[in-house]
Each structure stands twice: as structure tokens, then as C-alpha cells.
Protein backbone atom coordinates (compact mmCIF):
# COMPACT_ATOMS: atom_id res chain seq x y z
CA UNK A 1 -0.39 0.45 0.07
CA UNK A 2 1.47 3.92 -1.05
CA UNK A 3 0.69 6.15 1.15
CA UNK A 4 0.53 9.59 0.45
CA UNK A 5 0.80 12.22 3.04
CA UNK A 6 0.54 16.18 2.60
CA UNK A 7 2.81 18.81 2.20
CA UNK A 8 3.27 20.96 5.44
CA UNK A 9 1.24 24.21 4.52
CA UNK A 10 4.18 25.99 6.68
CA UNK A 11 7.52 25.19 7.98
CA UNK A 12 9.54 26.94 11.82
CA UNK A 13 12.50 27.46 11.64
CA UNK A 14 15.61 26.77 13.25
CA UNK A 15 12.99 23.90 14.68
CA UNK A 16 11.49 24.63 17.38
CA UNK A 17 12.78 21.70 20.10
CA UNK A 18 10.21 19.50 21.84
CA UNK A 19 10.91 19.69 24.88
CA UNK A 20 10.83 23.25 27.51
CA UNK A 21 13.93 25.66 27.34
CA UNK A 22 14.79 27.83 29.51
CA UNK A 23 12.81 31.38 28.09
CA UNK A 24 10.15 29.98 26.88
CA UNK A 25 6.22 31.54 27.43
CA UNK A 26 3.95 28.58 28.94
CA UNK A 27 0.29 29.65 30.02
CA UNK A 28 -2.14 28.15 31.22
CA UNK A 29 -5.59 29.76 30.59
CA UNK A 30 -8.70 30.80 32.55
CA UNK A 31 -10.86 26.93 32.16
CA UNK A 32 -8.23 25.25 34.65
CA UNK A 33 -10.20 24.51 37.79
CA UNK A 34 -10.36 26.97 40.95
CA UNK A 35 -8.13 23.70 42.73
CA UNK A 36 -5.20 25.73 40.83
CA UNK A 37 -6.04 29.16 41.42
CA UNK A 38 -1.71 29.62 41.32
CA UNK A 39 -2.68 28.39 37.06
CA UNK A 40 -5.52 29.28 36.30
CA UNK A 41 -4.98 32.49 33.53
CA UNK A 42 -1.39 33.23 34.49
CA UNK A 43 2.03 32.84 32.30
CA UNK A 44 5.25 31.75 33.51
CA UNK A 45 9.08 31.79 31.70
CA UNK A 46 11.04 29.18 32.15
CA UNK A 47 14.02 30.40 34.60
CA UNK A 48 16.11 27.02 34.25
CA UNK A 49 15.24 23.32 33.13
CA UNK A 50 16.78 20.45 34.86
CA UNK A 51 17.01 16.96 33.36
CA UNK A 52 16.82 14.60 34.87
CA UNK A 53 16.04 11.06 33.65
CA UNK A 54 14.22 8.29 35.44
CA UNK A 55 14.12 4.99 33.18
CA UNK A 56 12.48 2.54 34.70
CA UNK A 57 11.80 -1.25 32.86
CA UNK A 58 9.59 -4.30 32.85
CA UNK A 59 9.07 -7.48 30.76
CA UNK A 60 5.45 -8.08 30.53
CA UNK A 61 3.87 -11.17 28.92
CA UNK A 62 1.85 -11.70 26.47
CA UNK A 63 -2.02 -11.01 27.38
CA UNK A 64 -0.87 -9.33 31.04
CA UNK A 65 -0.66 -5.59 31.88
CA UNK A 66 1.17 -3.61 33.77
CA UNK A 67 0.51 -0.67 36.67
CA UNK A 68 3.35 2.76 37.09
CA UNK A 69 1.62 4.87 39.23
CA UNK A 70 3.97 8.12 38.99
CA UNK A 71 2.37 9.38 42.20
CA UNK A 72 3.60 10.29 45.31
CA UNK A 73 1.20 8.25 46.80
CA UNK A 74 1.66 4.65 48.99
CA UNK A 75 3.56 2.27 46.28
CA UNK A 76 3.87 5.13 43.00
CA UNK A 77 7.23 6.45 41.94
CA UNK A 78 7.29 9.33 43.99
CA UNK A 79 7.80 12.04 41.07
CA UNK A 80 5.77 14.55 40.99
CA UNK A 81 6.86 18.48 41.95
CA UNK A 82 5.31 19.59 45.04
CA UNK A 83 6.16 22.91 44.32
CA UNK A 84 4.40 25.02 42.79
CA UNK A 85 6.03 26.62 40.97
CA UNK A 86 7.09 23.46 39.14
CA UNK A 87 6.74 22.73 35.97
CA UNK A 88 6.97 19.22 34.83
CA UNK A 89 7.45 17.58 31.21
CA UNK A 90 8.04 13.99 30.53
CA UNK A 91 8.57 12.62 28.12
CA UNK A 92 7.90 8.58 27.52
CA UNK A 93 9.12 6.32 25.70
CA UNK A 94 8.57 2.38 24.92
CA UNK A 95 11.12 0.10 22.96
CA UNK A 96 9.33 -1.24 19.58
CA UNK A 97 6.22 -3.59 19.83
CA UNK A 98 1.96 -3.67 20.79
CA UNK A 99 1.48 -1.55 23.11
CA UNK A 100 -2.09 -0.94 24.39
CA UNK A 101 -1.55 2.22 26.54
CA UNK A 102 -4.05 4.40 28.87
CA UNK A 103 -2.56 7.26 31.43
CA UNK A 104 -4.44 8.09 33.52
CA UNK A 105 -3.85 11.57 35.41
CA UNK A 106 -4.34 11.95 38.45
CA UNK A 107 -5.08 7.90 38.78
CA UNK A 108 -8.43 6.81 37.61
CA UNK A 109 -9.07 10.27 35.57
CA UNK A 110 -7.50 9.73 31.69
CA UNK A 111 -4.76 11.71 30.64
CA UNK A 112 -6.69 13.06 27.03
CA UNK A 113 -10.01 13.47 28.84
CA UNK A 114 -9.25 17.82 30.00
CA UNK A 115 -10.72 17.93 33.21
CA UNK A 116 -12.65 21.29 31.61
CA UNK A 117 -13.43 22.74 28.02
CA UNK A 118 -10.19 25.53 27.46
CA UNK A 119 -8.04 23.98 29.37
CA UNK A 120 -5.24 22.93 26.90
């Protein structure tokens, strides 16, 4: 099968890195919940970055699953920021294979289901 991909309508040069860099701005819309007043409707500038590699490796048998809790809860990986002025950007990578992955942030809530419309 031959798949034709359309040409991009615009390009950015130099390319914008996929990770936050010093000097980048991060804006949180007014649609963020009232439980997050320290970010709701505000814009922040990244002052410094600090990459912290945190590798987890699992061999999962066929037709099995693995829950990985990154939170600070008992039994979790304890990597959530506790300082409200710390922004975490998490990058996940998988080795080649077939996966079905669901992300829950917080636990029990799909990450791809925004809490409220317009939160992005």
C-alpha cells in the first residue's frame, strides 16, 4: 500500500524543540479548575531546566498488563512536584512492539480527557 502524505503548509526554522527550554513561555488558560488558582489564567517563563532521567523497565508477558503509578501516593514512584512553582514535562518512550497504553492523571482519570473544556 502506498500512502501519500500532504506537504506541510508552513515550517518553522530553526525547528522548535519538543521539550521546554529556558526562556520559553507557558500559558494556562482561564478554564483551568478553581482548585489550581496558582496557575489559572497565568503566564510563566521558564527560568531554568533540569533534565532528570528516570528509567523504568519492565518485561510484560503476553496478554498481561502493568500499572505504573508515578504519583507520590504510597507505592507510587514519588516523582510528582511538591512545589507549585515547578513545572514537570514528562517524556515517555517505548521499545518497538505492540502496546495498548492508557494514561491516567490523576489516577482514575484519563489524561486525554481534559478536566474542563479549554484547559489546553
